[in-house]
Amino acid sequence: MRLFPLRLLLAMGFVSALCSGAVAQGGAVAQEGAVAQQARPCQVVSVKEAGLLLGCADQLKGFLLTFEDVRRQVGSEAQGRFVFACVLAPMCDDEPNVGGFFIDPVRWRESAKDEPAMLDMLQGYGLVPAASRGADPNVRPPPACAVFDVVIGDLPGRAVCFDVADGSAVVVIAGDDQVALVLSFFQRKRTPGAIRDKAADMIPLFRMQRPTGDITLLRWIR
């Protein structure tokens, strides 16, 4: 099965960007000493599949995105991406591919959260929806539906549709003060409206778990 086939080009520097500020609650790259801890209270400890572990001063904070569909299991792709792939491909023949990655919650919180802001955010991470057939590849793609509100687990967010080169996609950006993420729903040979309806059915199945504590979280995310 070909996973996450939407031609969204992810920047090779995703992990370094994440570690240098994408999930920090402010401040510069962490340095040794108390001053550095005050400037940057949270650091990325690990990113694995749809899980994120942060070290915040003397506490660990975990974020684990789950998808309540027994036909799918979470897996990892390059540059920090995760996918919720079908265990048996024929079981999901008529459903979108689903994947995503974590982003900087501060950038999302401070944005306008409209369609231009969402495209700016995607391009900031080197993620660009491929142009539909006949469109100018050098021009930012127009949305194929109005931006609409969603909730991913307990994360409020916004979603927008795109008519891309070989199908249609819905891209979601959701987050709060501590964690934010991008989710993509893509399917070939489907209209944007059809993918929007599919995504609307699937979005309520996501849950965000937030375990906190000590060293047990390291075992949880390994």
Protein backbone atom coordinates (compact mmCIF):
# COMPACT_ATOMS: atom_id res chain seq x y z
CA MET A 1 0.00 0.00 0.00
CA ARG A 2 1.34 3.41 -0.87
CA LEU A 3 1.06 5.56 2.26
CA PHE A 4 0.29 9.28 2.40
CA PRO A 5 0.39 9.73 -1.40
CA LEU A 6 -0.68 13.35 -1.40
CA ARG A 7 2.17 15.17 -3.08
CA LEU A 8 2.96 17.43 -0.19
CA LEU A 9 6.69 18.05 -0.07
CA LEU A 10 7.95 17.96 3.50
CA ALA A 11 11.11 19.86 4.28
CA MET A 12 14.12 17.72 5.19
CA GLY A 13 14.71 19.94 8.20
CA PHE A 14 11.49 18.98 9.99
CA VAL A 15 13.06 17.29 13.00
CA SER A 16 15.71 19.98 13.46
CA ALA A 17 13.06 22.69 13.14
CA LEU A 18 10.90 20.91 15.69
CA CYS A 19 13.76 20.55 18.11
CA SER A 20 14.91 24.16 17.66
CA GLY A 21 11.58 25.72 18.50
CA ALA A 22 8.57 24.04 16.94
CA VAL A 23 7.19 22.82 20.23
CA ALA A 24 9.06 25.07 22.61
CA GLN A 25 6.98 27.32 24.79
CA GLY A 26 9.29 30.26 23.91
CA GLY A 27 13.01 30.92 24.05
CA ALA A 28 16.02 29.87 22.02
CA VAL A 29 17.79 26.54 21.63
CA ALA A 30 18.31 24.99 25.06
CA GLN A 31 21.69 25.45 26.72
CA GLU A 32 23.09 24.18 29.98
CA GLY A 33 22.20 26.00 33.17
CA ALA A 34 19.25 27.62 34.88
CA VAL A 35 19.18 30.62 32.55
CA ALA A 36 18.60 28.37 29.57
CA GLN A 37 15.84 26.50 31.41
CA GLN A 38 14.05 29.77 32.08
CA ALA A 39 14.40 30.86 28.46
CA ARG A 40 13.18 27.55 27.07
CA PRO A 41 11.19 25.51 29.59
CA CYS A 42 10.27 22.71 27.17
CA GLN A 43 12.48 20.63 24.90
CA VAL A 44 11.65 17.80 22.54
CA VAL A 45 12.72 14.49 24.04
CA SER A 46 11.25 12.21 21.41
CA VAL A 47 8.91 12.12 18.42
CA LYS A 48 7.68 8.66 17.54
CA GLU A 49 4.75 7.84 15.30
CA ALA A 50 1.83 10.02 16.52
CA GLY A 51 3.44 10.64 19.90
CA LEU A 52 5.41 13.61 21.19
CA LEU A 53 7.38 13.72 24.44
CA LEU A 54 8.50 17.05 25.91
CA GLY A 55 10.85 17.75 28.79
CA CYS A 56 9.55 20.84 30.60
CA ALA A 57 11.89 21.89 33.44
CA ASP A 58 11.69 18.91 35.84
CA GLN A 59 8.57 17.35 34.30
CA LEU A 60 7.86 15.21 31.27
CA LYS A 61 4.75 15.86 29.19
CA GLY A 62 3.43 13.42 26.65
CA PHE A 63 0.98 13.85 23.76
CA LEU A 64 -0.33 10.81 21.92
CA LEU A 65 -2.78 11.07 19.04
CA THR A 66 -4.90 7.94 18.56
CA PHE A 67 -7.46 7.00 15.92
CA GLU A 68 -10.32 4.74 16.98
CA ASP A 69 -10.59 2.62 13.86
CA VAL A 70 -9.67 -1.04 14.35
CA ARG A 71 -8.77 -1.36 10.66
CA ARG A 72 -5.88 1.09 10.98
CA GLN A 73 -2.64 1.23 12.89
CA VAL A 74 -0.24 4.09 13.35
CA GLY A 75 3.16 4.08 11.69
CA SER A 76 6.11 6.38 11.02
CA GLU A 77 7.38 7.91 7.79
CA ALA A 78 10.33 10.15 6.99
CA GLN A 79 11.04 13.51 8.64
CA GLY A 80 8.76 12.99 11.63
CA ARG A 81 5.56 12.20 9.77
CA PHE A 82 3.04 9.65 11.02
CA VAL A 83 0.33 7.75 9.16
CA PHE A 84 -2.77 5.83 10.17
CA ALA A 85 -2.56 3.02 7.66
CA CYS A 86 -4.93 0.16 6.99
CA VAL A 87 -3.76 -3.22 8.25
CA LEU A 88 -5.29 -4.74 5.10
CA ALA A 89 -5.46 -2.30 2.19
CA PRO A 90 -8.71 -3.67 0.69
CA MET A 91 -10.54 -2.78 3.90
CA CYS A 92 -10.00 0.93 3.17
CA ASP A 93 -10.32 1.01 -0.61
CA ASP A 94 -12.95 3.74 -0.51
CA GLU A 95 -11.43 5.85 2.26
CA PRO A 96 -8.77 8.57 2.38
CA ASN A 97 -5.17 8.07 3.43
CA VAL A 98 -4.54 9.85 6.71
CA GLY A 99 -1.26 11.24 8.03
CA GLY A 100 0.34 14.24 9.69
CA PHE A 101 3.07 15.68 11.90
CA PHE A 102 3.53 17.95 14.91
CA ILE A 103 4.18 21.68 14.51
CA ASP A 104 5.00 24.74 16.62
CA PRO A 105 1.93 25.56 18.78
CA VAL A 106 3.07 29.16 19.27
CA ARG A 107 3.11 29.89 15.54
CA TRP A 108 -0.36 28.43 15.14
CA ARG A 109 -1.79 30.19 18.19
CA GLU A 110 -0.50 33.57 17.00
CA SER A 111 -1.73 33.17 13.42
CA ALA A 112 -5.01 34.41 11.97
CA LYS A 113 -6.11 30.77 11.51
CA ASP A 114 -7.64 31.55 8.12
CA GLU A 115 -6.83 30.05 4.72
CA PRO A 116 -3.83 32.35 3.95
CA ALA A 117 -2.44 31.70 7.44
CA MET A 118 -2.85 27.96 6.95
CA LEU A 119 -0.99 28.06 3.63
CA ASP A 120 1.73 30.20 5.22
CA MET A 121 2.04 27.62 7.98
CA LEU A 122 2.25 24.71 5.54
CA GLN A 123 4.82 26.48 3.38
CA GLY A 124 6.82 27.35 6.50
CA TYR A 125 7.26 23.63 7.04
CA GLY A 126 8.08 22.99 3.39
CA LEU A 127 4.67 21.48 2.78
CA VAL A 128 2.99 22.62 -0.44
CA PRO A 129 -0.17 21.10 -1.98
CA ALA A 130 0.56 20.03 -5.54
CA ALA A 131 -1.28 22.03 -8.18
CA SER A 132 -4.25 20.47 -9.92
CA ARG A 133 -3.97 19.63 -13.60
CA GLY A 134 -3.70 22.74 -15.75
CA ALA A 135 -2.90 25.04 -12.83
CA ASP A 136 0.22 27.18 -12.58
CA PRO A 137 2.59 25.22 -10.29
CA ASN A 138 4.21 28.48 -9.16
CA VAL A 139 0.97 29.94 -7.82
CA ARG A 140 -0.37 29.05 -4.38
CA PRO A 141 -3.37 26.74 -4.84
CA PRO A 142 -6.77 28.24 -4.08
CA PRO A 143 -8.93 26.49 -1.51
CA ALA A 144 -11.59 24.17 -2.91
CA CYS A 145 -13.94 24.75 0.03
CA ALA A 146 -14.45 27.35 2.72
CA VAL A 147 -12.31 27.00 5.84
CA PHE A 148 -14.31 25.21 8.54
CA ASP A 149 -13.90 24.53 12.26
CA VAL A 150 -12.91 21.10 13.55
CA VAL A 151 -11.81 19.48 16.81
CA ILE A 152 -9.07 16.82 16.79
CA GLY A 153 -9.39 15.04 20.11
CA ASP A 154 -9.46 18.04 22.43
CA LEU A 155 -7.58 20.36 20.04
CA PRO A 156 -9.58 23.10 18.32
CA GLY A 157 -8.59 23.57 14.72
CA ARG A 158 -9.38 24.64 11.20
CA ALA A 159 -9.63 22.66 7.98
CA VAL A 160 -9.57 23.49 4.27
CA CYS A 161 -9.93 21.50 1.03
CA PHE A 162 -7.58 21.39 -1.95
CA ASP A 163 -8.04 20.06 -5.47
CA VAL A 164 -4.62 18.52 -6.08
CA ALA A 165 -2.88 16.90 -9.02
CA ASP A 166 -4.30 13.39 -8.75
CA GLY A 167 -7.16 13.73 -6.29
CA SER A 168 -8.45 15.88 -3.46
CA ALA A 169 -7.33 16.60 0.07
CA VAL A 170 -8.49 18.12 3.32
CA VAL A 171 -5.73 19.64 5.45
CA VAL A 172 -6.36 20.27 9.16
CA ILE A 173 -4.29 22.37 11.56
CA ALA A 174 -5.25 22.05 15.21
CA GLY A 175 -3.61 22.95 18.49
CA ASP A 176 -3.58 24.64 21.87
CA ASP A 177 -0.90 26.30 24.02
CA GLN A 178 1.13 23.10 24.40
CA VAL A 179 0.81 21.05 21.23
CA ALA A 180 -0.26 21.51 17.62
CA LEU A 181 -0.34 19.30 14.55
CA VAL A 182 -1.20 19.02 10.87
CA LEU A 183 -3.45 16.23 9.59
CA SER A 184 -4.04 15.43 5.92
CA PHE A 185 -6.83 13.37 4.39
CA PHE A 186 -6.17 12.47 0.76
CA GLN A 187 -7.91 10.29 -1.81
CA ARG A 188 -7.41 9.87 -5.53
CA LYS A 189 -10.21 10.46 -8.03
CA ARG A 190 -12.49 12.13 -5.51
CA THR A 191 -13.94 15.63 -5.43
CA PRO A 192 -13.02 18.05 -2.66
CA GLY A 193 -16.58 17.90 -1.38
CA ALA A 194 -16.47 14.12 -1.13
CA ILE A 195 -13.19 14.21 0.83
CA ARG A 196 -14.58 16.91 3.09
CA ASP A 197 -17.51 14.65 3.94
CA LYS A 198 -15.20 11.69 4.54
CA ALA A 199 -12.93 13.76 6.78
CA ALA A 200 -15.93 15.04 8.73
CA ASP A 201 -16.91 11.42 9.45
CA MET A 202 -13.40 10.42 10.51
CA ILE A 203 -12.37 13.43 12.62
CA PRO A 204 -14.55 12.51 15.65
CA LEU A 205 -12.60 9.23 15.93
CA PHE A 206 -9.37 10.99 16.96
CA ARG A 207 -8.34 11.24 20.62
CA MET A 208 -5.47 13.17 22.20
CA GLN A 209 -3.98 11.48 25.26
CA ARG A 210 -1.90 13.64 27.62
CA PRO A 211 0.02 11.51 30.10
CA THR A 212 2.32 13.46 32.42
CA GLY A 213 4.80 12.39 35.04
CA ASP A 214 8.30 11.02 35.33
CA ILE A 215 10.47 8.39 33.73
CA THR A 216 7.48 6.17 32.89
CA LEU A 217 6.80 8.49 29.97
CA LEU A 218 10.12 7.55 28.41
CA ARG A 219 9.00 3.93 28.31
CA TRP A 220 5.64 5.02 26.90
CA ILE A 221 7.13 6.74 23.87
CA ARG A 222 10.01 4.36 23.09
